[in-house]
Amino acid sequence: MSNFGEKLIELRIATRGACNFERGKGCAVTLRTKALYLLSKKPRSPIELMEQLCMVKSNLALLAGKMVDDGAAEKLRGSEDRRVISYRITERGEAELAEALTKLEEKFKGIFSNEKERGEGIKKFDDLLDLLSFI
């Protein structure tokens, strides 16, 4: 008989596999996509991004630097203390995120036969996210 711990591990493995559409090629859910998604909600400090993306500082610095260089995000300095930084998504980053979300939506269109089933699927995701928020 399975327990919640086993099911959580299986879910983690399955979601990683689901995000690798072509073994890294055309994958819509990369660390970059996750970072852009978080930044689309509000500007975030490096610490917030490291915690939410489960990244170490050096890897986040590489990712954030690349996103800034590509114009997908911008680095903001604190007005009172210039050492305080945060990152914000740009229009270019929003367009990149929208493209990734469109790819994901296309992937899910083949799974659900109608809008009712799609709505039920989204509700199940919401329920799962609520459950996982307690862990």
N, C-alpha and C. Protein backbone atom coordinates (compact mmCIF):
# COMPACT_ATOMS: atom_id res chain seq x y z
N MET A 1 0.84 -1.19 0.00
CA MET A 1 0.00 0.00 0.00
C MET A 1 0.89 1.25 0.00
N SER A 2 0.57 2.20 -0.85
CA SER A 2 1.33 3.43 -0.95
C SER A 2 0.98 4.39 0.18
N ASN A 3 1.93 5.26 0.50
CA ASN A 3 1.65 6.31 1.47
C ASN A 3 1.84 7.67 0.80
N PHE A 4 1.56 8.74 1.54
CA PHE A 4 1.65 10.07 0.96
C PHE A 4 3.07 10.41 0.53
N GLY A 5 4.05 10.00 1.30
CA GLY A 5 5.44 10.27 0.94
C GLY A 5 5.80 9.66 -0.40
N GLU A 6 5.40 8.41 -0.60
CA GLU A 6 5.67 7.75 -1.87
C GLU A 6 4.96 8.45 -3.02
N LYS A 7 3.71 8.84 -2.80
CA LYS A 7 2.94 9.51 -3.85
C LYS A 7 3.55 10.88 -4.19
N LEU A 8 4.06 11.57 -3.18
CA LEU A 8 4.70 12.86 -3.44
C LEU A 8 5.96 12.67 -4.28
N ILE A 9 6.75 11.65 -3.96
CA ILE A 9 7.95 11.36 -4.74
C ILE A 9 7.56 11.00 -6.18
N GLU A 10 6.53 10.17 -6.35
CA GLU A 10 6.08 9.81 -7.69
C GLU A 10 5.59 11.04 -8.46
N LEU A 11 4.88 11.93 -7.77
CA LEU A 11 4.39 13.15 -8.40
C LEU A 11 5.56 14.01 -8.86
N ARG A 12 6.57 14.14 -8.03
CA ARG A 12 7.74 14.94 -8.37
C ARG A 12 8.46 14.36 -9.60
N ILE A 13 8.60 13.05 -9.63
CA ILE A 13 9.23 12.39 -10.78
C ILE A 13 8.38 12.58 -12.03
N ALA A 14 7.08 12.39 -11.90
CA ALA A 14 6.17 12.51 -13.05
C ALA A 14 6.15 13.94 -13.59
N THR A 15 6.16 14.94 -12.71
CA THR A 15 6.12 16.32 -13.21
C THR A 15 7.42 16.68 -13.90
N ARG A 16 8.53 16.17 -13.41
CA ARG A 16 9.81 16.42 -14.11
C ARG A 16 9.76 15.80 -15.50
N GLY A 17 9.26 14.57 -15.59
CA GLY A 17 9.17 13.90 -16.89
C GLY A 17 8.21 14.60 -17.83
N ALA A 18 7.12 15.09 -17.29
CA ALA A 18 6.12 15.78 -18.11
C ALA A 18 6.66 17.07 -18.69
N CYS A 19 7.63 17.66 -18.03
CA CYS A 19 8.20 18.93 -18.50
C CYS A 19 9.28 18.74 -19.54
N ASN A 20 9.78 17.53 -19.69
CA ASN A 20 10.82 17.25 -20.68
C ASN A 20 10.16 16.75 -21.97
N PHE A 21 9.59 17.67 -22.72
CA PHE A 21 8.84 17.30 -23.92
C PHE A 21 9.70 16.52 -24.90
N GLU A 22 10.91 16.99 -25.13
CA GLU A 22 11.79 16.33 -26.08
C GLU A 22 13.19 16.23 -25.49
N ARG A 23 13.27 15.78 -24.25
CA ARG A 23 14.57 15.66 -23.55
C ARG A 23 15.36 16.96 -23.60
N GLY A 24 14.69 18.06 -23.19
CA GLY A 24 15.37 19.34 -23.10
C GLY A 24 15.13 20.26 -24.27
N LYS A 25 14.73 19.71 -25.41
CA LYS A 25 14.48 20.55 -26.58
C LYS A 25 13.02 20.98 -26.57
N GLY A 26 12.79 22.25 -26.57
CA GLY A 26 11.42 22.75 -26.60
C GLY A 26 10.70 22.61 -25.28
N CYS A 27 11.43 22.33 -24.22
CA CYS A 27 10.81 22.20 -22.90
C CYS A 27 10.27 23.55 -22.47
N ALA A 28 9.01 23.60 -22.12
CA ALA A 28 8.39 24.86 -21.72
C ALA A 28 8.61 25.17 -20.25
N VAL A 29 8.93 24.19 -19.44
CA VAL A 29 9.06 24.42 -18.01
C VAL A 29 10.52 24.26 -17.59
N THR A 30 11.30 25.26 -17.92
CA THR A 30 12.70 25.30 -17.54
C THR A 30 12.81 26.15 -16.27
N LEU A 31 13.99 26.17 -15.67
CA LEU A 31 14.20 27.07 -14.53
C LEU A 31 13.95 28.52 -14.94
N ARG A 32 14.34 28.85 -16.15
CA ARG A 32 14.12 30.21 -16.65
C ARG A 32 12.63 30.51 -16.71
N THR A 33 11.84 29.57 -17.22
CA THR A 33 10.39 29.78 -17.30
C THR A 33 9.80 29.94 -15.91
N LYS A 34 10.24 29.11 -14.98
CA LYS A 34 9.74 29.22 -13.60
C LYS A 34 10.11 30.56 -13.00
N ALA A 35 11.34 31.03 -13.23
CA ALA A 35 11.77 32.33 -12.71
C ALA A 35 10.93 33.45 -13.33
N LEU A 36 10.71 33.39 -14.63
CA LEU A 36 9.90 34.41 -15.29
C LEU A 36 8.47 34.40 -14.74
N TYR A 37 7.94 33.21 -14.50
CA TYR A 37 6.59 33.11 -13.93
C TYR A 37 6.54 33.79 -12.57
N LEU A 38 7.51 33.50 -11.71
CA LEU A 38 7.53 34.14 -10.39
C LEU A 38 7.66 35.65 -10.51
N LEU A 39 8.52 36.11 -11.41
CA LEU A 39 8.71 37.54 -11.60
C LEU A 39 7.49 38.21 -12.21
N SER A 40 6.68 37.45 -12.93
CA SER A 40 5.46 38.03 -13.52
C SER A 40 4.44 38.37 -12.45
N LYS A 41 4.55 37.72 -11.30
CA LYS A 41 3.62 37.98 -10.19
C LYS A 41 4.03 39.22 -9.41
N LYS A 42 5.35 39.40 -9.22
CA LYS A 42 5.88 40.58 -8.53
C LYS A 42 7.40 40.53 -8.60
N PRO A 43 8.07 41.67 -8.47
CA PRO A 43 9.53 41.64 -8.39
C PRO A 43 9.97 40.81 -7.19
N ARG A 44 11.09 40.14 -7.32
CA ARG A 44 11.57 39.25 -6.25
C ARG A 44 13.04 39.49 -5.98
N SER A 45 13.40 39.29 -4.74
CA SER A 45 14.80 39.37 -4.35
C SER A 45 15.50 38.07 -4.74
N PRO A 46 16.83 38.10 -4.81
CA PRO A 46 17.55 36.86 -5.10
C PRO A 46 17.24 35.75 -4.07
N ILE A 47 17.11 36.12 -2.82
CA ILE A 47 16.82 35.11 -1.77
C ILE A 47 15.47 34.45 -2.03
N GLU A 48 14.47 35.26 -2.38
CA GLU A 48 13.15 34.68 -2.67
C GLU A 48 13.24 33.71 -3.84
N LEU A 49 13.94 34.11 -4.90
CA LEU A 49 14.07 33.24 -6.07
C LEU A 49 14.83 31.97 -5.71
N MET A 50 15.90 32.08 -4.95
CA MET A 50 16.67 30.90 -4.56
C MET A 50 15.80 29.92 -3.78
N GLU A 51 15.01 30.43 -2.84
CA GLU A 51 14.15 29.57 -2.03
C GLU A 51 13.05 28.93 -2.86
N GLN A 52 12.39 29.72 -3.70
CA GLN A 52 11.25 29.19 -4.46
C GLN A 52 11.68 28.27 -5.60
N LEU A 53 12.86 28.49 -6.14
CA LEU A 53 13.34 27.65 -7.24
C LEU A 53 14.30 26.55 -6.77
N CYS A 54 14.58 26.52 -5.47
CA CYS A 54 15.50 25.53 -4.90
C CYS A 54 16.85 25.57 -5.62
N MET A 55 17.42 26.76 -5.68
CA MET A 55 18.69 26.97 -6.37
C MET A 55 19.71 27.51 -5.39
N VAL A 56 20.97 27.25 -5.68
CA VAL A 56 22.04 27.85 -4.91
C VAL A 56 22.37 29.21 -5.53
N LYS A 57 23.02 30.04 -4.75
CA LYS A 57 23.30 31.42 -5.15
C LYS A 57 24.05 31.52 -6.48
N SER A 58 25.07 30.68 -6.66
CA SER A 58 25.86 30.77 -7.89
C SER A 58 25.03 30.44 -9.13
N ASN A 59 24.17 29.43 -9.02
CA ASN A 59 23.32 29.08 -10.17
C ASN A 59 22.29 30.15 -10.46
N LEU A 60 21.74 30.75 -9.40
CA LEU A 60 20.79 31.84 -9.61
C LEU A 60 21.48 33.03 -10.26
N ALA A 61 22.69 33.31 -9.83
CA ALA A 61 23.43 34.43 -10.42
C ALA A 61 23.62 34.23 -11.92
N LEU A 62 23.94 33.00 -12.32
CA LEU A 62 24.09 32.70 -13.76
C LEU A 62 22.76 32.87 -14.49
N LEU A 63 21.69 32.30 -13.93
CA LEU A 63 20.37 32.38 -14.56
C LEU A 63 19.90 33.83 -14.66
N ALA A 64 19.98 34.55 -13.55
CA ALA A 64 19.52 35.94 -13.54
C ALA A 64 20.36 36.80 -14.48
N GLY A 65 21.67 36.58 -14.48
CA GLY A 65 22.54 37.34 -15.37
C GLY A 65 22.18 37.12 -16.83
N LYS A 66 21.90 35.88 -17.19
CA LYS A 66 21.51 35.55 -18.57
C LYS A 66 20.17 36.21 -18.92
N MET A 67 19.21 36.17 -17.99
CA MET A 67 17.91 36.79 -18.26
C MET A 67 18.04 38.30 -18.41
N VAL A 68 18.90 38.92 -17.62
CA VAL A 68 19.13 40.36 -17.74
C VAL A 68 19.82 40.65 -19.07
N ASP A 69 20.85 39.87 -19.40
CA ASP A 69 21.56 40.07 -20.68
C ASP A 69 20.64 39.91 -21.88
N ASP A 70 19.70 38.95 -21.80
CA ASP A 70 18.76 38.70 -22.89
C ASP A 70 17.60 39.70 -22.93
N GLY A 71 17.48 40.51 -21.89
CA GLY A 71 16.39 41.48 -21.83
C GLY A 71 15.08 40.93 -21.33
N ALA A 72 15.09 39.72 -20.75
CA ALA A 72 13.86 39.11 -20.24
C ALA A 72 13.53 39.61 -18.83
N ALA A 73 14.55 40.09 -18.12
CA ALA A 73 14.36 40.61 -16.77
C ALA A 73 15.30 41.79 -16.58
N GLU A 74 14.99 42.58 -15.58
CA GLU A 74 15.88 43.68 -15.24
C GLU A 74 16.21 43.64 -13.76
N LYS A 75 17.40 44.09 -13.46
CA LYS A 75 17.90 44.12 -12.09
C LYS A 75 17.62 45.50 -11.51
N LEU A 76 16.96 45.53 -10.37
CA LEU A 76 16.62 46.79 -9.72
C LEU A 76 17.46 46.97 -8.47
N ARG A 77 17.89 48.17 -8.22
CA ARG A 77 18.65 48.49 -7.01
C ARG A 77 17.75 49.28 -6.07
N GLY A 78 17.93 49.06 -4.77
CA GLY A 78 17.15 49.78 -3.77
C GLY A 78 17.44 51.27 -3.82
N SER A 79 16.43 52.09 -3.59
CA SER A 79 16.62 53.54 -3.63
C SER A 79 17.39 54.04 -2.42
N GLU A 80 17.17 53.43 -1.27
CA GLU A 80 17.88 53.86 -0.07
C GLU A 80 19.20 53.12 0.11
N ASP A 81 19.22 51.86 -0.19
CA ASP A 81 20.43 51.05 -0.04
C ASP A 81 20.70 50.38 -1.38
N ARG A 82 21.70 50.84 -2.10
CA ARG A 82 22.00 50.35 -3.45
C ARG A 82 22.45 48.89 -3.45
N ARG A 83 22.80 48.35 -2.28
CA ARG A 83 23.20 46.94 -2.20
C ARG A 83 22.01 46.00 -2.30
N VAL A 84 20.83 46.51 -1.98
CA VAL A 84 19.60 45.70 -2.04
C VAL A 84 19.16 45.60 -3.49
N ILE A 85 19.02 44.37 -3.98
CA ILE A 85 18.60 44.20 -5.37
C ILE A 85 17.36 43.32 -5.45
N SER A 86 16.67 43.48 -6.55
CA SER A 86 15.55 42.60 -6.89
C SER A 86 15.49 42.50 -8.41
N TYR A 87 14.70 41.57 -8.88
CA TYR A 87 14.55 41.37 -10.33
C TYR A 87 13.09 41.55 -10.70
N ARG A 88 12.88 42.10 -11.88
CA ARG A 88 11.54 42.33 -12.40
C ARG A 88 11.49 41.84 -13.84
N ILE A 89 10.37 41.28 -14.25
CA ILE A 89 10.20 40.81 -15.62
C ILE A 89 10.02 42.02 -16.55
N THR A 90 10.49 41.89 -17.77
CA THR A 90 10.33 42.94 -18.79
C THR A 90 9.26 42.50 -19.79
N GLU A 91 8.95 43.37 -20.72
CA GLU A 91 8.00 43.01 -21.78
C GLU A 91 8.50 41.81 -22.57
N ARG A 92 9.80 41.80 -22.83
CA ARG A 92 10.38 40.68 -23.57
C ARG A 92 10.23 39.38 -22.77
N GLY A 93 10.43 39.45 -21.46
CA GLY A 93 10.26 38.28 -20.60
C GLY A 93 8.81 37.83 -20.56
N GLU A 94 7.89 38.80 -20.53
CA GLU A 94 6.46 38.46 -20.54
C GLU A 94 6.08 37.74 -21.83
N ALA A 95 6.65 38.16 -22.95
CA ALA A 95 6.38 37.51 -24.23
C ALA A 95 6.94 36.09 -24.23
N GLU A 96 8.13 35.92 -23.68
CA GLU A 96 8.74 34.59 -23.59
C GLU A 96 7.90 33.67 -22.70
N LEU A 97 7.44 34.20 -21.58
CA LEU A 97 6.59 33.42 -20.68
C LEU A 97 5.27 33.05 -21.36
N ALA A 98 4.69 34.00 -22.06
CA ALA A 98 3.42 33.73 -22.77
C ALA A 98 3.60 32.61 -23.79
N GLU A 99 4.73 32.61 -24.48
CA GLU A 99 5.01 31.56 -25.46
C GLU A 99 5.11 30.19 -24.77
N ALA A 100 5.79 30.14 -23.64
CA ALA A 100 5.92 28.88 -22.89
C ALA A 100 4.56 28.41 -22.40
N LEU A 101 3.74 29.33 -21.90
CA LEU A 101 2.41 28.96 -21.41
C LEU A 101 1.52 28.46 -22.55
N THR A 102 1.68 29.05 -23.73
CA THR A 102 0.93 28.60 -24.91
C THR A 102 1.31 27.17 -25.27
N LYS A 103 2.61 26.86 -25.21
CA LYS A 103 3.07 25.49 -25.49
C LYS A 103 2.44 24.50 -24.50
N LEU A 104 2.41 24.89 -23.24
CA LEU A 104 1.81 24.01 -22.23
C LEU A 104 0.32 23.82 -22.46
N GLU A 105 -0.37 24.90 -22.79
CA GLU A 105 -1.81 24.80 -23.06
C GLU A 105 -2.08 23.87 -24.24
N GLU A 106 -1.25 23.96 -25.28
CA GLU A 106 -1.40 23.08 -26.43
C GLU A 106 -1.22 21.62 -26.03
N LYS A 107 -0.26 21.38 -25.15
CA LYS A 107 0.00 20.03 -24.67
C LYS A 107 -1.23 19.47 -23.95
N PHE A 108 -1.88 20.33 -23.16
CA PHE A 108 -3.04 19.88 -22.38
C PHE A 108 -4.31 19.78 -23.23
N LYS A 109 -4.39 20.48 -24.34
CA LYS A 109 -5.59 20.42 -25.18
C LYS A 109 -5.87 19.00 -25.65
N GLY A 110 -4.83 18.23 -25.89
CA GLY A 110 -5.02 16.86 -26.34
C GLY A 110 -5.51 15.92 -25.26
N ILE A 111 -5.40 16.34 -24.02
CA ILE A 111 -5.79 15.48 -22.90
C ILE A 111 -7.28 15.59 -22.58
N PHE A 112 -7.81 16.81 -22.66
CA PHE A 112 -9.21 17.05 -22.30
C PHE A 112 -10.05 17.20 -23.55
N SER A 113 -11.20 16.53 -23.56
CA SER A 113 -12.04 16.55 -24.76
C SER A 113 -12.98 17.75 -24.81
N ASN A 114 -13.22 18.40 -23.68
CA ASN A 114 -14.10 19.57 -23.70
C ASN A 114 -13.75 20.52 -22.55
N GLU A 115 -14.42 21.67 -22.52
CA GLU A 115 -14.12 22.70 -21.51
C GLU A 115 -14.47 22.24 -20.10
N LYS A 116 -15.50 21.41 -19.97
CA LYS A 116 -15.87 20.93 -18.64
C LYS A 116 -14.73 20.08 -18.06
N GLU A 117 -14.21 19.16 -18.86
CA GLU A 117 -13.09 18.32 -18.40
C GLU A 117 -11.86 19.17 -18.11
N ARG A 118 -11.61 20.18 -18.94
CA ARG A 118 -10.48 21.08 -18.71
C ARG A 118 -10.64 21.80 -17.37
N GLY A 119 -11.83 22.30 -17.11
CA GLY A 119 -12.11 22.98 -15.85
C GLY A 119 -11.93 22.07 -14.65
N GLU A 120 -12.37 20.81 -14.80
CA GLU A 120 -12.19 19.83 -13.72
C GLU A 120 -10.71 19.53 -13.49
N GLY A 121 -9.95 19.47 -14.58
CA GLY A 121 -8.50 19.25 -14.46
C GLY A 121 -7.81 20.39 -13.73
N ILE A 122 -8.19 21.62 -14.07
CA ILE A 122 -7.62 22.78 -13.38
C ILE A 122 -8.01 22.77 -11.91
N LYS A 123 -9.24 22.38 -11.62
CA LYS A 123 -9.70 22.30 -10.22
C LYS A 123 -8.87 21.28 -9.45
N LYS A 124 -8.56 20.14 -10.08
CA LYS A 124 -7.74 19.13 -9.42
C LYS A 124 -6.32 19.65 -9.15
N PHE A 125 -5.77 20.40 -10.10
CA PHE A 125 -4.47 21.04 -9.87
C PHE A 125 -4.54 21.98 -8.68
N ASP A 126 -5.61 22.80 -8.63
CA ASP A 126 -5.77 23.73 -7.51
C ASP A 126 -5.86 22.99 -6.18
N ASP A 127 -6.62 21.90 -6.17
CA ASP A 127 -6.75 21.10 -4.94
C ASP A 127 -5.40 20.53 -4.52
N LEU A 128 -4.64 20.05 -5.48
CA LEU A 128 -3.33 19.49 -5.19
C LEU A 128 -2.39 20.56 -4.65
N LEU A 129 -2.40 21.75 -5.26
CA LEU A 129 -1.57 22.85 -4.78
C LEU A 129 -1.96 23.24 -3.36
N ASP A 130 -3.25 23.26 -3.06
CA ASP A 130 -3.70 23.56 -1.69
C ASP A 130 -3.16 22.52 -0.72
N LEU A 131 -3.24 21.25 -1.09
CA LEU A 131 -2.76 20.17 -0.24
C LEU A 131 -1.26 20.31 -0.01
N LEU A 132 -0.50 20.56 -1.08
CA LEU A 132 0.95 20.65 -0.97
C LEU A 132 1.39 21.87 -0.18
N SER A 133 0.55 22.89 -0.10
CA SER A 133 0.93 24.09 0.65
C SER A 133 1.05 23.81 2.15
N PHE A 134 0.49 22.69 2.61
CA PHE A 134 0.58 22.34 4.02
C PHE A 134 1.84 21.57 4.37
N ILE A 135 2.57 21.13 3.35
CA ILE A 135 3.78 20.33 3.59
C ILE A 135 4.95 21.23 3.87
